Amino acid sequence: MTNEEFLTYLLVDCNYPAAKILPDGEHYAAVMPQFYTHAVIAGQVGDISGYDNRWCYDTLAEAVLAWNAWDGTGEPVGWHRHPPSGRRIARADGEYDEHGNLVPIGQEYVRR
């Protein structure tokens, strides 16, 4: 499958609102709708069985902005939850990490 065919698969068959091949030519990034949020996902070009990584955003607009700015280096910005690692960004008073410690708003923490 060519890169163009894979992008068509992501946009048409998966119905993702945005998808691109990352600069290394071997990985992709896409915006994936979820039930209540949206995510930026990343995976290997040609892999139709899933993706390698996911970062959650509250809105489609936030996810698209992060996706558009991201070149595949590090992580996209502005996410509030990274399910593969259990990392989160505290967004309200009363959030606790996996050890029961209160987390200040804006701080990254782990909760599985």
Protein backbone atom coordinates (compact mmCIF):
# COMPACT_ATOMS: atom_id res chain seq x y z
CA MET A 1 0.00 0.00 0.00
CA THR A 2 1.44 3.40 -0.95
CA ASN A 3 1.46 6.35 1.44
CA GLU A 4 -1.32 7.97 -0.58
CA GLU A 5 -3.43 4.82 -0.41
CA PHE A 6 -2.86 4.59 3.32
CA LEU A 7 -3.91 8.24 3.81
CA THR A 8 -7.07 7.50 1.84
CA TYR A 9 -7.69 4.51 4.09
CA LEU A 10 -7.35 6.70 7.21
CA LEU A 11 -9.50 9.54 5.88
CA VAL A 12 -12.19 7.56 4.05
CA ASP A 13 -12.34 4.09 5.55
CA CYS A 14 -11.53 5.09 9.15
CA ASN A 15 -13.37 8.42 8.77
CA TYR A 16 -10.64 10.35 10.60
CA PRO A 17 -11.05 14.11 10.10
CA ALA A 18 -7.29 14.66 9.61
CA ALA A 19 -4.33 12.44 8.75
CA LYS A 20 -0.77 12.92 7.52
CA ILE A 21 2.42 11.02 6.93
CA LEU A 22 5.09 12.24 9.34
CA PRO A 23 8.44 13.52 8.01
CA ASP A 24 10.22 10.18 8.52
CA GLY A 25 7.91 8.69 5.87
CA GLU A 26 7.31 5.59 7.99
CA HIS A 27 4.79 6.87 10.55
CA TYR A 28 1.50 8.72 10.44
CA ALA A 29 -0.49 10.98 12.73
CA ALA A 30 -4.25 11.30 12.61
CA VAL A 31 -7.12 12.81 14.56
CA MET A 32 -9.47 10.14 15.85
CA PRO A 33 -12.98 10.86 17.14
CA GLN A 34 -13.88 9.13 20.41
CA PHE A 35 -17.19 8.99 22.30
CA TYR A 36 -16.70 12.18 24.31
CA THR A 37 -13.33 13.53 23.18
CA HIS A 38 -10.89 13.42 20.27
CA ALA A 39 -7.38 12.04 20.10
CA VAL A 40 -4.20 12.45 18.14
CA ILE A 41 -2.98 8.98 17.28
CA ALA A 42 0.30 7.86 15.76
CA GLY A 43 1.35 4.63 14.17
CA GLN A 44 3.24 2.93 11.39
CA VAL A 45 2.24 3.57 7.79
CA GLY A 46 0.44 0.50 6.45
CA ASP A 47 -0.64 -0.85 9.84
CA ILE A 48 -4.40 -1.22 9.52
CA SER A 49 -4.77 -3.16 12.77
CA GLY A 50 -4.29 -0.25 15.16
CA TYR A 51 -2.01 2.54 16.26
CA ASP A 52 1.06 2.87 18.50
CA ASN A 53 0.24 5.92 20.60
CA ARG A 54 -2.68 8.17 21.62
CA TRP A 55 -3.11 11.58 23.27
CA CYS A 56 -6.59 12.80 24.29
CA TYR A 57 -8.07 16.29 23.81
CA ASP A 58 -11.43 17.73 24.85
CA THR A 59 -12.45 19.02 21.43
CA LEU A 60 -11.91 18.36 17.76
CA ALA A 61 -10.46 21.87 17.37
CA GLU A 62 -7.84 21.26 20.09
CA ALA A 63 -6.86 17.92 18.58
CA VAL A 64 -6.58 19.35 15.05
CA LEU A 65 -4.43 22.27 16.26
CA ALA A 66 -2.06 19.87 18.05
CA TRP A 67 -2.01 17.45 15.09
CA ASN A 68 -1.29 20.25 12.63
CA ALA A 69 1.63 21.61 14.70
CA TRP A 70 3.19 18.21 15.45
CA ASP A 71 6.01 16.85 13.28
CA GLY A 72 6.31 13.51 15.07
CA THR A 73 9.11 14.65 17.38
CA GLY A 74 8.40 14.21 21.08
CA GLU A 75 4.68 14.51 21.78
CA PRO A 76 1.94 16.76 20.46
CA VAL A 77 1.13 19.67 22.80
CA GLY A 78 -2.00 20.41 24.81
CA TRP A 79 -3.19 16.88 25.58
CA HIS A 80 -4.89 16.14 28.89
CA ARG A 81 -4.58 12.36 28.95
CA HIS A 82 -2.08 9.84 27.60
CA PRO A 83 -3.76 6.44 28.10
CA PRO A 84 -0.79 4.22 27.21
CA SER A 85 1.27 5.61 30.12
CA GLY A 86 -1.52 6.62 32.51
CA ARG A 87 -0.24 10.22 32.46
CA ARG A 88 -2.74 13.04 32.87
CA ILE A 89 -2.71 16.78 33.28
CA ALA A 90 -4.72 17.92 36.32
CA ARG A 91 -7.55 20.16 35.11
CA ALA A 92 -9.65 20.62 38.24
CA ASP A 93 -9.35 20.76 42.00
CA GLY A 94 -9.62 17.40 43.70
CA GLU A 95 -7.61 15.22 41.30
CA TYR A 96 -5.42 12.58 42.93
CA ASP A 97 -2.49 10.59 41.57
CA GLU A 98 -2.16 6.83 41.84
CA HIS A 99 -0.62 7.21 45.32
CA GLY A 100 -3.52 9.29 46.67
CA ASN A 101 -1.67 12.62 46.55
CA LEU A 102 -3.63 15.74 45.64
CA VAL A 103 -2.38 17.16 42.32
CA PRO A 104 -2.30 20.91 41.59
CA ILE A 105 -4.11 22.09 38.45
CA GLY A 106 -1.82 22.03 35.42
CA GLN A 107 0.58 19.43 36.82
CA GLU A 108 1.26 16.17 35.05
CA TYR A 109 0.64 13.03 37.09
CA VAL A 110 0.04 9.32 36.71
CA ARG A 111 -3.20 7.54 37.49
CA ARG A 112 -3.91 4.10 36.10
